[in-house]
Amino acid sequence: SVQALELARSCMDIAVLQVREAPAGNISAQTIALTRGSCSILASQGGGTDFRRICTQATSGNVTRYMTAVFDQRFPSPKISAYQEILSVSVCNTTH
């Protein structure tokens, strides 16, 4: 569903902002209530100033969609090497 994908993207935008602002770049798993539904940010992988992967998921009706973003570096300026929809949350359980 398009709505599930938009919710997952909205959650990813929030997660990217949180990573940029977090002192160690770590964010915890959380569910976020949005105007048209809710989505979940899965815990981030990686740490420090280097690689980090974030995944989000959202469900609308019986359809669940996932997004991932991969940072190659956080400082001095964030560089995101991938930002895309993924088919399975299993991608989020692997390391770089």
N, C-alpha and C. Protein backbone atom coordinates (compact mmCIF):
# COMPACT_ATOMS: atom_id res chain seq x y z
N SER A 1 0.84 -1.19 0.00
CA SER A 1 0.00 0.00 0.00
C SER A 1 0.87 1.24 0.00
N VAL A 2 0.42 2.23 -0.72
CA VAL A 2 1.14 3.50 -0.82
C VAL A 2 1.21 4.17 0.56
N GLN A 3 0.12 4.07 1.32
CA GLN A 3 0.11 4.72 2.64
C GLN A 3 1.15 4.10 3.57
N ALA A 4 1.31 2.79 3.55
CA ALA A 4 2.32 2.14 4.39
C ALA A 4 3.72 2.61 4.00
N LEU A 5 3.99 2.75 2.70
CA LEU A 5 5.30 3.22 2.25
C LEU A 5 5.53 4.66 2.68
N GLU A 6 4.53 5.51 2.57
CA GLU A 6 4.69 6.91 2.99
C GLU A 6 4.93 7.01 4.50
N LEU A 7 4.26 6.18 5.26
CA LEU A 7 4.49 6.16 6.71
C LEU A 7 5.91 5.72 7.03
N ALA A 8 6.40 4.68 6.33
CA ALA A 8 7.77 4.21 6.55
C ALA A 8 8.78 5.29 6.17
N ARG A 9 8.53 6.03 5.10
CA ARG A 9 9.41 7.13 4.70
C ARG A 9 9.40 8.25 5.73
N SER A 10 8.23 8.58 6.25
CA SER A 10 8.13 9.62 7.27
C SER A 10 8.92 9.23 8.51
N CYS A 11 8.82 7.98 8.90
CA CYS A 11 9.56 7.50 10.06
C CYS A 11 11.07 7.57 9.79
N MET A 12 11.47 7.24 8.57
CA MET A 12 12.90 7.31 8.22
C MET A 12 13.41 8.74 8.29
N ASP A 13 12.62 9.69 7.82
CA ASP A 13 13.03 11.10 7.91
C ASP A 13 13.26 11.50 9.36
N ILE A 14 12.38 11.07 10.24
CA ILE A 14 12.54 11.36 11.67
C ILE A 14 13.79 10.68 12.22
N ALA A 15 14.02 9.44 11.83
CA ALA A 15 15.19 8.69 12.30
C ALA A 15 16.49 9.33 11.86
N VAL A 16 16.54 9.79 10.60
CA VAL A 16 17.75 10.44 10.09
C VAL A 16 18.05 11.70 10.90
N LEU A 17 17.04 12.48 11.21
CA LEU A 17 17.24 13.67 12.05
C LEU A 17 17.73 13.28 13.43
N GLN A 18 17.20 12.23 14.01
CA GLN A 18 17.63 11.79 15.33
C GLN A 18 19.08 11.34 15.33
N VAL A 19 19.51 10.63 14.31
CA VAL A 19 20.91 10.18 14.22
C VAL A 19 21.84 11.38 14.13
N ARG A 20 21.46 12.36 13.36
CA ARG A 20 22.30 13.55 13.20
C ARG A 20 22.43 14.32 14.51
N GLU A 21 21.39 14.30 15.33
CA GLU A 21 21.37 15.09 16.56
C GLU A 21 21.83 14.33 17.79
N ALA A 22 21.83 13.00 17.75
CA ALA A 22 22.20 12.20 18.93
C ALA A 22 23.70 12.32 19.19
N PRO A 23 24.10 12.52 20.45
CA PRO A 23 25.52 12.69 20.77
C PRO A 23 26.40 11.56 20.24
N ALA A 24 25.98 10.31 20.42
CA ALA A 24 26.77 9.18 19.93
C ALA A 24 26.20 8.63 18.63
N GLY A 25 25.15 9.27 18.14
CA GLY A 25 24.53 8.81 16.91
C GLY A 25 23.63 7.62 17.08
N ASN A 26 23.42 7.20 18.32
CA ASN A 26 22.58 6.03 18.57
C ASN A 26 21.14 6.44 18.81
N ILE A 27 20.26 5.70 18.23
CA ILE A 27 18.84 5.91 18.50
C ILE A 27 18.26 4.56 18.90
N SER A 28 17.23 4.59 19.71
CA SER A 28 16.63 3.35 20.17
C SER A 28 15.36 3.05 19.39
N ALA A 29 14.95 1.80 19.46
CA ALA A 29 13.72 1.39 18.78
C ALA A 29 12.55 2.17 19.40
N GLN A 30 11.65 2.58 18.54
CA GLN A 30 10.51 3.36 19.01
C GLN A 30 9.38 3.33 18.00
N THR A 31 8.17 3.55 18.49
CA THR A 31 7.01 3.68 17.63
C THR A 31 6.57 5.13 17.65
N ILE A 32 6.28 5.68 16.48
CA ILE A 32 5.94 7.09 16.35
C ILE A 32 4.52 7.20 15.80
N ALA A 33 3.70 7.99 16.50
CA ALA A 33 2.34 8.24 16.03
C ALA A 33 2.37 9.40 15.05
N LEU A 34 1.82 9.19 13.87
CA LEU A 34 1.74 10.22 12.85
C LEU A 34 0.27 10.51 12.56
N THR A 35 0.01 11.54 11.81
CA THR A 35 -1.37 11.93 11.52
C THR A 35 -2.18 10.81 10.89
N ARG A 36 -1.59 10.07 9.94
CA ARG A 36 -2.33 9.04 9.21
C ARG A 36 -2.03 7.62 9.68
N GLY A 37 -1.40 7.47 10.84
CA GLY A 37 -1.08 6.13 11.33
C GLY A 37 0.17 6.17 12.19
N SER A 38 0.84 5.04 12.29
CA SER A 38 2.07 4.98 13.07
C SER A 38 3.11 4.17 12.31
N CYS A 39 4.34 4.32 12.75
CA CYS A 39 5.44 3.59 12.15
C CYS A 39 6.45 3.29 13.25
N SER A 40 7.39 2.42 12.95
CA SER A 40 8.40 2.05 13.94
C SER A 40 9.79 2.29 13.38
N ILE A 41 10.65 2.84 14.24
CA ILE A 41 12.07 2.93 13.94
C ILE A 41 12.71 1.76 14.66
N LEU A 42 13.42 0.93 13.92
CA LEU A 42 14.12 -0.19 14.53
C LEU A 42 15.46 0.33 15.03
N ALA A 43 16.01 -0.27 16.03
CA ALA A 43 17.27 0.21 16.60
C ALA A 43 18.34 0.32 15.52
N SER A 44 19.18 1.35 15.62
CA SER A 44 20.23 1.56 14.62
C SER A 44 21.39 0.60 14.85
N GLN A 45 22.11 0.30 13.77
CA GLN A 45 23.30 -0.54 13.84
C GLN A 45 24.52 0.32 13.61
N GLY A 46 25.64 -0.06 14.19
CA GLY A 46 26.87 0.71 14.02
C GLY A 46 27.00 1.73 15.12
N GLY A 47 28.06 2.50 15.07
CA GLY A 47 28.26 3.49 16.12
C GLY A 47 29.39 4.43 15.79
N GLY A 48 29.61 5.37 16.68
CA GLY A 48 30.67 6.34 16.47
C GLY A 48 30.39 7.21 15.27
N THR A 49 31.43 7.53 14.52
CA THR A 49 31.27 8.44 13.39
C THR A 49 31.15 7.73 12.06
N ASP A 50 31.23 6.40 12.06
CA ASP A 50 31.24 5.67 10.81
C ASP A 50 29.91 4.99 10.52
N PHE A 51 29.97 3.88 9.81
CA PHE A 51 28.80 3.17 9.31
C PHE A 51 27.67 3.06 10.31
N ARG A 52 26.47 3.24 9.81
CA ARG A 52 25.26 3.05 10.60
C ARG A 52 24.12 2.72 9.64
N ARG A 53 23.31 1.75 10.02
CA ARG A 53 22.12 1.40 9.24
C ARG A 53 20.90 1.64 10.13
N ILE A 54 19.88 2.21 9.55
CA ILE A 54 18.62 2.41 10.24
C ILE A 54 17.53 1.77 9.38
N CYS A 55 16.59 1.12 10.02
CA CYS A 55 15.44 0.55 9.31
C CYS A 55 14.16 1.03 9.96
N THR A 56 13.14 1.20 9.14
CA THR A 56 11.83 1.56 9.64
C THR A 56 10.80 0.62 9.03
N GLN A 57 9.65 0.53 9.70
CA GLN A 57 8.55 -0.26 9.16
C GLN A 57 7.24 0.42 9.48
N ALA A 58 6.28 0.21 8.61
CA ALA A 58 4.94 0.76 8.81
C ALA A 58 3.94 -0.20 8.19
N THR A 59 2.78 -0.27 8.80
CA THR A 59 1.73 -1.15 8.30
C THR A 59 0.47 -0.34 8.07
N SER A 60 -0.17 -0.59 6.95
CA SER A 60 -1.46 0.00 6.64
C SER A 60 -2.35 -1.13 6.18
N GLY A 61 -3.43 -1.38 6.91
CA GLY A 61 -4.26 -2.54 6.60
C GLY A 61 -3.45 -3.80 6.86
N ASN A 62 -3.33 -4.65 5.86
CA ASN A 62 -2.53 -5.87 6.03
C ASN A 62 -1.21 -5.81 5.27
N VAL A 63 -0.78 -4.60 4.87
CA VAL A 63 0.46 -4.43 4.11
C VAL A 63 1.50 -3.76 5.00
N THR A 64 2.69 -4.38 5.10
CA THR A 64 3.80 -3.81 5.84
C THR A 64 4.90 -3.45 4.86
N ARG A 65 5.45 -2.24 5.00
CA ARG A 65 6.54 -1.79 4.12
C ARG A 65 7.73 -1.40 4.99
N TYR A 66 8.94 -1.56 4.43
CA TYR A 66 10.18 -1.29 5.16
C TYR A 66 11.06 -0.33 4.36
N MET A 67 11.80 0.49 5.09
CA MET A 67 12.79 1.39 4.49
C MET A 67 14.11 1.19 5.21
N THR A 68 15.22 1.45 4.52
CA THR A 68 16.53 1.44 5.16
C THR A 68 17.33 2.64 4.68
N ALA A 69 18.18 3.13 5.55
CA ALA A 69 19.15 4.17 5.19
C ALA A 69 20.49 3.74 5.75
N VAL A 70 21.54 3.93 4.96
CA VAL A 70 22.89 3.58 5.39
C VAL A 70 23.74 4.83 5.35
N PHE A 71 24.34 5.16 6.49
CA PHE A 71 25.27 6.28 6.58
C PHE A 71 26.67 5.71 6.44
N ASP A 72 27.50 6.28 5.56
CA ASP A 72 28.90 5.90 5.50
C ASP A 72 29.70 6.68 6.52
N GLN A 73 29.23 7.85 6.86
CA GLN A 73 29.87 8.64 7.93
C GLN A 73 28.85 9.62 8.49
N ARG A 74 29.03 9.97 9.75
CA ARG A 74 28.16 10.95 10.40
C ARG A 74 28.83 12.31 10.48
N PHE A 75 30.13 12.34 10.75
CA PHE A 75 30.86 13.60 10.93
C PHE A 75 32.00 13.66 9.94
N PRO A 76 32.43 14.80 9.49
CA PRO A 76 31.94 16.13 9.87
C PRO A 76 30.59 16.47 9.26
N SER A 77 30.25 15.84 8.15
CA SER A 77 28.90 16.04 7.61
C SER A 77 28.34 14.67 7.23
N PRO A 78 27.07 14.43 7.52
CA PRO A 78 26.48 13.12 7.25
C PRO A 78 26.48 12.78 5.76
N LYS A 79 26.83 11.54 5.47
CA LYS A 79 26.79 11.05 4.08
C LYS A 79 25.96 9.77 4.06
N ILE A 80 24.85 9.83 3.38
CA ILE A 80 23.97 8.67 3.27
C ILE A 80 24.25 8.01 1.93
N SER A 81 24.66 6.74 1.97
CA SER A 81 25.00 6.04 0.73
C SER A 81 23.82 5.25 0.16
N ALA A 82 22.81 4.98 0.99
CA ALA A 82 21.64 4.26 0.50
C ALA A 82 20.41 4.72 1.28
N TYR A 83 19.32 4.87 0.55
CA TYR A 83 18.04 5.24 1.14
C TYR A 83 17.00 4.59 0.24
N GLN A 84 16.42 3.49 0.71
CA GLN A 84 15.55 2.75 -0.20
C GLN A 84 14.55 1.88 0.53
N GLU A 85 13.53 1.47 -0.21
CA GLU A 85 12.59 0.49 0.31
C GLU A 85 13.25 -0.87 0.23
N ILE A 86 13.01 -1.70 1.24
CA ILE A 86 13.52 -3.06 1.23
C ILE A 86 12.33 -4.01 1.38
N LEU A 87 12.50 -5.25 0.96
CA LEU A 87 11.41 -6.21 0.97
C LEU A 87 11.25 -6.93 2.30
N SER A 88 12.32 -6.97 3.07
CA SER A 88 12.29 -7.74 4.32
C SER A 88 13.10 -7.03 5.39
N VAL A 89 12.67 -7.16 6.61
CA VAL A 89 13.39 -6.58 7.73
C VAL A 89 14.68 -7.37 8.01
N SER A 90 14.87 -8.53 7.40
CA SER A 90 16.07 -9.32 7.63
C SER A 90 17.33 -8.57 7.23
N VAL A 91 17.23 -7.64 6.28
CA VAL A 91 18.38 -6.81 5.89
C VAL A 91 18.88 -6.01 7.09
N CYS A 92 18.00 -5.69 7.97
CA CYS A 92 18.34 -4.86 9.13
C CYS A 92 19.03 -5.65 10.22
N ASN A 93 19.06 -6.94 10.09
CA ASN A 93 19.70 -7.78 11.09
C ASN A 93 21.10 -8.22 10.70
N THR A 94 21.66 -7.59 9.65
CA THR A 94 23.00 -7.92 9.20
C THR A 94 23.92 -6.75 9.47
N THR A 95 25.23 -6.99 9.40
CA THR A 95 26.20 -5.92 9.59
C THR A 95 26.75 -5.50 8.25
N HIS A 96 27.42 -4.36 8.23
CA HIS A 96 27.97 -3.75 7.03
C HIS A 96 29.05 -4.60 6.40
